[in-house]
Amino acid sequence: MKRITYWPQLFLGITFNIGVLIAYSSITNTIDIEIIFLYLAGIFWTLGYDTIYAHQDKVDDLKIGIKSTAILFDKNSKLWISTFYVVMLGFLIFYGIFSNVNLIYYIALIFVGLHLFNQIIKLDINNSEICLKLFKSNSILGLLVCTCLIVNIL
């Protein structure tokens, strides 16, 4: 997709997160609105973290003529990534509302939001080391989101 569009991170998000729909539908034999919200949250998360990652390759990508959201957004990347993360949190909230989760889910979600906020504060799109560190910190974010989902079933 990097050869076709400036949005390869969107296609990555659609692909990476499809497992949410597949797993849910294989267990429930349906696709409900709440799982769509969880899927969309994953897509916007991927848009954010992979745009951060793409900033490491921006110079090389420009030289060889491939595209990315890092190139498209350039100096506005922080604003776009912030927007993606806010939308992600919004979809996680909608997931919670439609799934009738308990209060602990929302309390745990605060830590997800704090982690995302921390990424935005520390982000320097011109510093490859910081971009890689922030990208890798998404493994912790995944654990936090997983914790949100698990605490709801306890």
N, C-alpha and C. Protein backbone atom coordinates (compact mmCIF):
# COMPACT_ATOMS: atom_id res chain seq x y z
N MET A 1 0.82 -1.21 0.00
CA MET A 1 0.00 0.00 0.00
C MET A 1 0.86 1.26 0.00
N LYS A 2 2.10 1.15 0.48
CA LYS A 2 2.98 2.32 0.49
C LYS A 2 3.28 2.83 -0.91
N ARG A 3 3.10 1.97 -1.89
CA ARG A 3 3.35 2.39 -3.28
C ARG A 3 2.09 3.03 -3.89
N ILE A 4 0.94 2.83 -3.25
CA ILE A 4 -0.33 3.27 -3.82
C ILE A 4 -0.91 4.49 -3.12
N THR A 5 -0.81 4.53 -1.78
CA THR A 5 -1.51 5.55 -1.02
C THR A 5 -0.64 6.09 0.12
N TYR A 6 -0.97 7.29 0.58
CA TYR A 6 -0.32 7.85 1.75
C TYR A 6 -0.90 7.27 3.05
N TRP A 7 -1.86 6.37 2.93
CA TRP A 7 -2.56 5.81 4.08
C TRP A 7 -2.28 4.31 4.30
N PRO A 8 -1.05 3.84 4.14
CA PRO A 8 -0.81 2.41 4.37
C PRO A 8 -1.09 2.00 5.81
N GLN A 9 -0.95 2.95 6.74
CA GLN A 9 -1.22 2.65 8.14
C GLN A 9 -2.71 2.32 8.37
N LEU A 10 -3.59 2.91 7.57
CA LEU A 10 -5.01 2.58 7.67
C LEU A 10 -5.24 1.13 7.24
N PHE A 11 -4.63 0.74 6.15
CA PHE A 11 -4.79 -0.64 5.68
C PHE A 11 -4.15 -1.63 6.66
N LEU A 12 -3.06 -1.22 7.28
CA LEU A 12 -2.44 -2.05 8.32
C LEU A 12 -3.41 -2.22 9.49
N GLY A 13 -4.03 -1.12 9.90
CA GLY A 13 -4.99 -1.18 11.01
C GLY A 13 -6.19 -2.06 10.71
N ILE A 14 -6.71 -1.94 9.51
CA ILE A 14 -7.85 -2.78 9.10
C ILE A 14 -7.46 -4.25 9.15
N THR A 15 -6.26 -4.54 8.66
CA THR A 15 -5.79 -5.93 8.60
C THR A 15 -5.40 -6.48 9.97
N PHE A 16 -4.59 -5.73 10.71
CA PHE A 16 -4.12 -6.20 12.02
C PHE A 16 -5.25 -6.48 12.99
N ASN A 17 -6.28 -5.67 12.93
CA ASN A 17 -7.34 -5.74 13.93
C ASN A 17 -8.52 -6.60 13.53
N ILE A 18 -8.51 -7.17 12.34
CA ILE A 18 -9.63 -7.99 11.88
C ILE A 18 -9.83 -9.21 12.78
N GLY A 19 -8.77 -9.62 13.46
CA GLY A 19 -8.87 -10.76 14.37
C GLY A 19 -9.91 -10.54 15.47
N VAL A 20 -10.12 -9.28 15.86
CA VAL A 20 -11.15 -8.97 16.86
C VAL A 20 -12.52 -9.43 16.34
N LEU A 21 -12.82 -9.10 15.11
CA LEU A 21 -14.11 -9.48 14.52
C LEU A 21 -14.19 -10.99 14.29
N ILE A 22 -13.10 -11.57 13.82
CA ILE A 22 -13.09 -13.00 13.55
C ILE A 22 -13.28 -13.80 14.84
N ALA A 23 -12.52 -13.45 15.87
CA ALA A 23 -12.63 -14.18 17.14
C ALA A 23 -14.03 -14.03 17.75
N TYR A 24 -14.53 -12.80 17.76
CA TYR A 24 -15.85 -12.55 18.35
C TYR A 24 -16.94 -13.30 17.61
N SER A 25 -16.90 -13.21 16.28
CA SER A 25 -17.95 -13.85 15.49
C SER A 25 -17.85 -15.38 15.55
N SER A 26 -16.65 -15.90 15.73
CA SER A 26 -16.52 -17.36 15.82
C SER A 26 -17.08 -17.89 17.14
N ILE A 27 -17.09 -17.05 18.15
CA ILE A 27 -17.63 -17.47 19.45
C ILE A 27 -19.12 -17.19 19.55
N THR A 28 -19.56 -16.05 19.03
CA THR A 28 -20.95 -15.63 19.20
C THR A 28 -21.84 -15.88 17.98
N ASN A 29 -21.24 -16.19 16.86
CA ASN A 29 -21.97 -16.35 15.59
C ASN A 29 -22.68 -15.07 15.17
N THR A 30 -22.15 -13.94 15.60
CA THR A 30 -22.73 -12.65 15.24
C THR A 30 -21.65 -11.58 15.30
N ILE A 31 -21.97 -10.42 14.76
CA ILE A 31 -21.13 -9.23 14.91
C ILE A 31 -22.04 -8.15 15.48
N ASP A 32 -21.78 -7.78 16.72
CA ASP A 32 -22.59 -6.77 17.40
C ASP A 32 -21.89 -5.42 17.34
N ILE A 33 -22.66 -4.37 17.61
CA ILE A 33 -22.13 -3.00 17.51
C ILE A 33 -20.95 -2.79 18.45
N GLU A 34 -20.98 -3.37 19.64
CA GLU A 34 -19.89 -3.13 20.58
C GLU A 34 -18.56 -3.67 20.05
N ILE A 35 -18.59 -4.77 19.34
CA ILE A 35 -17.34 -5.32 18.82
C ILE A 35 -16.84 -4.49 17.64
N ILE A 36 -17.76 -3.87 16.92
CA ILE A 36 -17.37 -2.93 15.85
C ILE A 36 -16.60 -1.76 16.47
N PHE A 37 -17.09 -1.26 17.62
CA PHE A 37 -16.39 -0.17 18.30
C PHE A 37 -14.99 -0.59 18.75
N LEU A 38 -14.86 -1.81 19.25
CA LEU A 38 -13.55 -2.30 19.66
C LEU A 38 -12.62 -2.42 18.44
N TYR A 39 -13.15 -2.91 17.35
CA TYR A 39 -12.39 -3.03 16.10
C TYR A 39 -11.93 -1.65 15.62
N LEU A 40 -12.82 -0.69 15.62
CA LEU A 40 -12.48 0.66 15.18
C LEU A 40 -11.44 1.30 16.11
N ALA A 41 -11.55 1.04 17.41
CA ALA A 41 -10.55 1.54 18.35
C ALA A 41 -9.17 1.01 17.96
N GLY A 42 -9.11 -0.26 17.61
CA GLY A 42 -7.84 -0.86 17.20
C GLY A 42 -7.29 -0.23 15.94
N ILE A 43 -8.16 0.08 15.00
CA ILE A 43 -7.71 0.71 13.74
C ILE A 43 -7.10 2.08 14.03
N PHE A 44 -7.77 2.87 14.86
CA PHE A 44 -7.25 4.21 15.15
C PHE A 44 -5.98 4.14 16.00
N TRP A 45 -5.88 3.15 16.87
CA TRP A 45 -4.65 2.94 17.62
C TRP A 45 -3.50 2.66 16.65
N THR A 46 -3.74 1.77 15.70
CA THR A 46 -2.72 1.42 14.71
C THR A 46 -2.33 2.63 13.88
N LEU A 47 -3.30 3.44 13.49
CA LEU A 47 -2.99 4.67 12.75
C LEU A 47 -2.02 5.54 13.54
N GLY A 48 -2.25 5.63 14.84
CA GLY A 48 -1.39 6.46 15.68
C GLY A 48 0.00 5.88 15.85
N TYR A 49 0.07 4.64 16.35
CA TYR A 49 1.40 4.10 16.65
C TYR A 49 2.22 3.82 15.40
N ASP A 50 1.59 3.46 14.30
CA ASP A 50 2.38 3.19 13.11
C ASP A 50 2.80 4.47 12.39
N THR A 51 2.08 5.55 12.60
CA THR A 51 2.54 6.84 12.09
C THR A 51 3.79 7.26 12.85
N ILE A 52 3.79 7.03 14.16
CA ILE A 52 5.00 7.30 14.95
C ILE A 52 6.17 6.48 14.40
N TYR A 53 5.92 5.19 14.18
CA TYR A 53 6.96 4.31 13.66
C TYR A 53 7.46 4.79 12.29
N ALA A 54 6.54 5.22 11.44
CA ALA A 54 6.88 5.62 10.07
C ALA A 54 7.78 6.85 10.03
N HIS A 55 7.78 7.63 11.09
CA HIS A 55 8.65 8.81 11.11
C HIS A 55 10.12 8.42 11.12
N GLN A 56 10.44 7.23 11.58
CA GLN A 56 11.83 6.76 11.55
C GLN A 56 12.31 6.54 10.12
N ASP A 57 11.40 6.18 9.24
CA ASP A 57 11.74 5.82 7.86
C ASP A 57 11.46 6.93 6.86
N LYS A 58 11.00 8.05 7.33
CA LYS A 58 10.51 9.12 6.46
C LYS A 58 11.54 9.54 5.40
N VAL A 59 12.77 9.77 5.79
CA VAL A 59 13.79 10.23 4.85
C VAL A 59 14.03 9.18 3.77
N ASP A 60 14.18 7.93 4.18
CA ASP A 60 14.40 6.84 3.21
C ASP A 60 13.18 6.64 2.32
N ASP A 61 11.99 6.72 2.91
CA ASP A 61 10.77 6.55 2.12
C ASP A 61 10.66 7.62 1.03
N LEU A 62 11.01 8.85 1.38
CA LEU A 62 10.97 9.93 0.38
C LEU A 62 11.97 9.68 -0.74
N LYS A 63 13.16 9.17 -0.38
CA LYS A 63 14.19 8.90 -1.39
C LYS A 63 13.75 7.85 -2.40
N ILE A 64 13.06 6.80 -1.89
CA ILE A 64 12.69 5.71 -2.79
C ILE A 64 11.27 5.84 -3.34
N GLY A 65 10.58 6.89 -2.92
CA GLY A 65 9.28 7.20 -3.52
C GLY A 65 8.10 6.42 -2.97
N ILE A 66 8.18 5.97 -1.71
CA ILE A 66 7.00 5.32 -1.12
C ILE A 66 6.34 6.27 -0.13
N LYS A 67 5.10 5.97 0.20
CA LYS A 67 4.26 6.90 0.94
C LYS A 67 3.96 6.38 2.34
N SER A 68 3.54 7.32 3.20
CA SER A 68 3.10 6.96 4.55
C SER A 68 2.35 8.15 5.15
N THR A 69 1.66 7.89 6.24
CA THR A 69 1.00 8.99 6.94
C THR A 69 2.03 9.94 7.53
N ALA A 70 3.22 9.44 7.88
CA ALA A 70 4.27 10.32 8.40
C ALA A 70 4.65 11.37 7.36
N ILE A 71 4.73 10.97 6.12
CA ILE A 71 5.05 11.90 5.03
C ILE A 71 3.86 12.82 4.77
N LEU A 72 2.67 12.26 4.74
CA LEU A 72 1.46 13.05 4.48
C LEU A 72 1.25 14.12 5.55
N PHE A 73 1.36 13.74 6.82
CA PHE A 73 1.07 14.66 7.92
C PHE A 73 2.25 15.57 8.25
N ASP A 74 3.47 15.07 8.05
CA ASP A 74 4.71 15.78 8.29
C ASP A 74 4.68 16.56 9.61
N LYS A 75 4.75 17.86 9.57
CA LYS A 75 4.82 18.67 10.79
C LYS A 75 3.52 18.65 11.59
N ASN A 76 2.42 18.24 10.97
CA ASN A 76 1.13 18.15 11.66
C ASN A 76 0.89 16.77 12.27
N SER A 77 1.90 15.94 12.27
CA SER A 77 1.74 14.55 12.75
C SER A 77 1.26 14.47 14.18
N LYS A 78 1.78 15.32 15.05
CA LYS A 78 1.39 15.27 16.46
C LYS A 78 -0.13 15.51 16.60
N LEU A 79 -0.64 16.46 15.85
CA LEU A 79 -2.07 16.75 15.88
C LEU A 79 -2.87 15.55 15.36
N TRP A 80 -2.44 14.97 14.25
CA TRP A 80 -3.14 13.81 13.68
C TRP A 80 -3.09 12.61 14.63
N ILE A 81 -1.92 12.33 15.17
CA ILE A 81 -1.78 11.19 16.09
C ILE A 81 -2.63 11.42 17.33
N SER A 82 -2.63 12.64 17.85
CA SER A 82 -3.49 12.98 18.99
C SER A 82 -4.95 12.71 18.65
N THR A 83 -5.36 13.12 17.46
CA THR A 83 -6.74 12.90 17.02
C THR A 83 -7.05 11.41 16.94
N PHE A 84 -6.13 10.64 16.36
CA PHE A 84 -6.34 9.19 16.27
C PHE A 84 -6.50 8.58 17.67
N TYR A 85 -5.67 9.02 18.60
CA TYR A 85 -5.73 8.46 19.96
C TYR A 85 -7.01 8.89 20.69
N VAL A 86 -7.46 10.11 20.47
CA VAL A 86 -8.73 10.54 21.08
C VAL A 86 -9.89 9.73 20.51
N VAL A 87 -9.88 9.52 19.20
CA VAL A 87 -10.93 8.72 18.57
C VAL A 87 -10.87 7.28 19.09
N MET A 88 -9.66 6.75 19.25
CA MET A 88 -9.50 5.41 19.81
C MET A 88 -10.16 5.33 21.19
N LEU A 89 -9.84 6.30 22.05
CA LEU A 89 -10.44 6.32 23.39
C LEU A 89 -11.96 6.45 23.31
N GLY A 90 -12.43 7.26 22.39
CA GLY A 90 -13.88 7.40 22.20
C GLY A 90 -14.53 6.07 21.85
N PHE A 91 -13.91 5.34 20.93
CA PHE A 91 -14.46 4.03 20.57
C PHE A 91 -14.38 3.04 21.72
N LEU A 92 -13.34 3.13 22.53
CA LEU A 92 -13.26 2.26 23.72
C LEU A 92 -14.36 2.61 24.72
N ILE A 93 -14.68 3.89 24.82
CA ILE A 93 -15.79 4.31 25.69
C ILE A 93 -17.12 3.80 25.12
N PHE A 94 -17.31 3.96 23.81
CA PHE A 94 -18.54 3.43 23.19
C PHE A 94 -18.64 1.92 23.37
N TYR A 95 -17.51 1.23 23.23
CA TYR A 95 -17.50 -0.22 23.48
C TYR A 95 -18.02 -0.48 24.89
N GLY A 96 -17.51 0.27 25.85
CA GLY A 96 -17.93 0.09 27.23
C GLY A 96 -19.41 0.34 27.44
N ILE A 97 -19.91 1.41 26.83
CA ILE A 97 -21.33 1.75 26.97
C ILE A 97 -22.21 0.65 26.38
N PHE A 98 -21.88 0.23 25.18
CA PHE A 98 -22.71 -0.78 24.52
C PHE A 98 -22.53 -2.18 25.08
N SER A 99 -21.42 -2.41 25.77
CA SER A 99 -21.17 -3.72 26.39
C SER A 99 -21.63 -3.76 27.84
N ASN A 100 -22.11 -2.61 28.33
CA ASN A 100 -22.59 -2.54 29.70
C ASN A 100 -21.51 -2.98 30.69
N VAL A 101 -20.32 -2.41 30.54
CA VAL A 101 -19.20 -2.77 31.40
C VAL A 101 -19.35 -2.18 32.78
N ASN A 102 -18.51 -2.66 33.71
CA ASN A 102 -18.55 -2.12 35.06
C ASN A 102 -17.65 -0.89 35.18
N LEU A 103 -17.72 -0.24 36.32
CA LEU A 103 -16.97 0.99 36.57
C LEU A 103 -15.46 0.76 36.50
N ILE A 104 -15.02 -0.41 36.87
CA ILE A 104 -13.58 -0.71 36.87
C ILE A 104 -13.01 -0.59 35.45
N TYR A 105 -13.79 -0.94 34.45
CA TYR A 105 -13.36 -0.79 33.05
C TYR A 105 -12.98 0.66 32.78
N TYR A 106 -13.83 1.58 33.18
CA TYR A 106 -13.59 2.99 32.91
C TYR A 106 -12.41 3.52 33.72
N ILE A 107 -12.26 3.04 34.94
CA ILE A 107 -11.11 3.43 35.75
C ILE A 107 -9.82 2.94 35.08
N ALA A 108 -9.82 1.71 34.62
CA ALA A 108 -8.65 1.17 33.93
C ALA A 108 -8.39 1.93 32.63
N LEU A 109 -9.45 2.39 31.99
CA LEU A 109 -9.33 3.13 30.74
C LEU A 109 -8.60 4.47 30.95
N ILE A 110 -8.67 5.00 32.15
CA ILE A 110 -7.93 6.23 32.46
C ILE A 110 -6.43 6.02 32.25
N PHE A 111 -5.94 4.84 32.62
CA PHE A 111 -4.52 4.55 32.45
C PHE A 111 -4.14 4.42 30.97
N VAL A 112 -5.07 3.93 30.17
CA VAL A 112 -4.85 3.90 28.72
C VAL A 112 -4.70 5.33 28.21
N GLY A 113 -5.62 6.19 28.62
CA GLY A 113 -5.56 7.59 28.21
C GLY A 113 -4.29 8.29 28.66
N LEU A 114 -3.85 8.01 29.88
CA LEU A 114 -2.61 8.61 30.38
C LEU A 114 -1.40 8.15 29.58
N HIS A 115 -1.40 6.87 29.21
CA HIS A 115 -0.29 6.35 28.40
C HIS A 115 -0.26 7.02 27.03
N LEU A 116 -1.42 7.16 26.42
CA LEU A 116 -1.51 7.82 25.11
C LEU A 116 -1.06 9.28 25.21
N PHE A 117 -1.51 9.95 26.26
CA PHE A 117 -1.12 11.35 26.48
C PHE A 117 0.39 11.46 26.65
N ASN A 118 0.97 10.54 27.39
CA ASN A 118 2.41 10.52 27.59
C ASN A 118 3.15 10.36 26.26
N GLN A 119 2.63 9.51 25.38
CA GLN A 119 3.26 9.35 24.06
C GLN A 119 3.27 10.67 23.30
N ILE A 120 2.14 11.37 23.32
CA ILE A 120 2.02 12.62 22.58
C ILE A 120 2.97 13.67 23.15
N ILE A 121 3.03 13.75 24.47
CA ILE A 121 3.90 14.74 25.11
C ILE A 121 5.37 14.49 24.75
N LYS A 122 5.78 13.24 24.74
CA LYS A 122 7.18 12.89 24.49
C LYS A 122 7.54 12.83 23.00
N LEU A 123 6.56 12.80 22.13
CA LEU A 123 6.81 12.60 20.70
C LEU A 123 7.63 13.74 20.09
N ASP A 124 8.72 13.35 19.44
CA ASP A 124 9.52 14.26 18.63
C ASP A 124 9.71 13.54 17.29
N ILE A 125 8.96 13.98 16.30
CA ILE A 125 8.95 13.26 15.01
C ILE A 125 10.29 13.29 14.30
N ASN A 126 11.18 14.15 14.74
CA ASN A 126 12.50 14.24 14.12
C ASN A 126 13.57 13.46 14.89
N ASN A 127 13.16 12.73 15.91
CA ASN A 127 14.09 11.95 16.72
C ASN A 127 13.72 10.47 16.60
N SER A 128 14.49 9.74 15.81
CA SER A 128 14.20 8.32 15.56
C SER A 128 14.21 7.49 16.83
N GLU A 129 15.13 7.79 17.74
CA GLU A 129 15.20 7.04 19.00
C GLU A 129 13.93 7.17 19.81
N ILE A 130 13.44 8.38 19.91
CA ILE A 130 12.20 8.62 20.66
C ILE A 130 11.02 7.94 19.96
N CYS A 131 10.97 8.06 18.64
CA CYS A 131 9.88 7.41 17.89
C CYS A 131 9.88 5.90 18.12
N LEU A 132 11.05 5.29 18.09
CA LEU A 132 11.12 3.84 18.31
C LEU A 132 10.71 3.49 19.74
N LYS A 133 11.17 4.26 20.69
CA LYS A 133 10.81 4.01 22.10
C LYS A 133 9.29 4.13 22.29
N LEU A 134 8.69 5.16 21.72
CA LEU A 134 7.24 5.34 21.85
C LEU A 134 6.49 4.24 21.13
N PHE A 135 6.97 3.87 19.94
CA PHE A 135 6.34 2.77 19.22
C PHE A 135 6.36 1.50 20.06
N LYS A 136 7.51 1.18 20.63
CA LYS A 136 7.63 -0.02 21.45
C LYS A 136 6.78 0.04 22.71
N SER A 137 6.52 1.24 23.21
CA SER A 137 5.71 1.38 24.43
C SER A 137 4.26 0.96 24.20
N ASN A 138 3.90 0.75 22.94
CA ASN A 138 2.54 0.31 22.65
C ASN A 138 2.29 -1.13 23.07
N SER A 139 3.34 -1.89 23.35
CA SER A 139 3.13 -3.21 23.94
C SER A 139 2.55 -3.06 25.34
N ILE A 140 2.99 -2.05 26.06
CA ILE A 140 2.42 -1.76 27.38
C ILE A 140 0.99 -1.28 27.22
N LEU A 141 0.76 -0.45 26.22
CA LEU A 141 -0.59 0.03 25.97
C LEU A 141 -1.54 -1.13 25.67
N GLY A 142 -1.08 -2.07 24.87
CA GLY A 142 -1.90 -3.25 24.58
C GLY A 142 -2.25 -4.01 25.84
N LEU A 143 -1.29 -4.12 26.74
CA LEU A 143 -1.54 -4.78 28.03
C LEU A 143 -2.56 -4.00 28.84
N LEU A 144 -2.49 -2.69 28.80
CA LEU A 144 -3.47 -1.86 29.52
C LEU A 144 -4.88 -2.03 28.94
N VAL A 145 -4.99 -2.05 27.61
CA VAL A 145 -6.30 -2.26 26.98
C VAL A 145 -6.82 -3.65 27.33
N CYS A 146 -5.96 -4.63 27.27
CA CYS A 146 -6.35 -5.99 27.63
C CYS A 146 -6.83 -6.05 29.08
N THR A 147 -6.13 -5.34 29.95
CA THR A 147 -6.53 -5.28 31.36
C THR A 147 -7.93 -4.67 31.50
N CYS A 148 -8.19 -3.63 30.74
CA CYS A 148 -9.54 -3.02 30.75
C CYS A 148 -10.60 -4.05 30.41
N LEU A 149 -10.33 -4.84 29.40
CA LEU A 149 -11.30 -5.83 28.94
C LEU A 149 -11.45 -6.97 29.95
N ILE A 150 -10.35 -7.36 30.55
CA ILE A 150 -10.38 -8.47 31.52
C ILE A 150 -11.07 -8.08 32.82
N VAL A 151 -10.78 -6.87 33.33
CA VAL A 151 -11.38 -6.47 34.61
C VAL A 151 -12.89 -6.40 34.52
N ASN A 152 -13.40 -6.24 33.33
CA ASN A 152 -14.85 -6.20 33.17
C ASN A 152 -15.51 -7.56 33.41
N ILE A 153 -14.78 -8.63 33.17
CA ILE A 153 -15.39 -9.96 33.32
C ILE A 153 -15.13 -10.57 34.70
N LEU A 154 -14.38 -9.86 35.53
CA LEU A 154 -14.10 -10.38 36.89
C LEU A 154 -15.28 -10.15 37.81
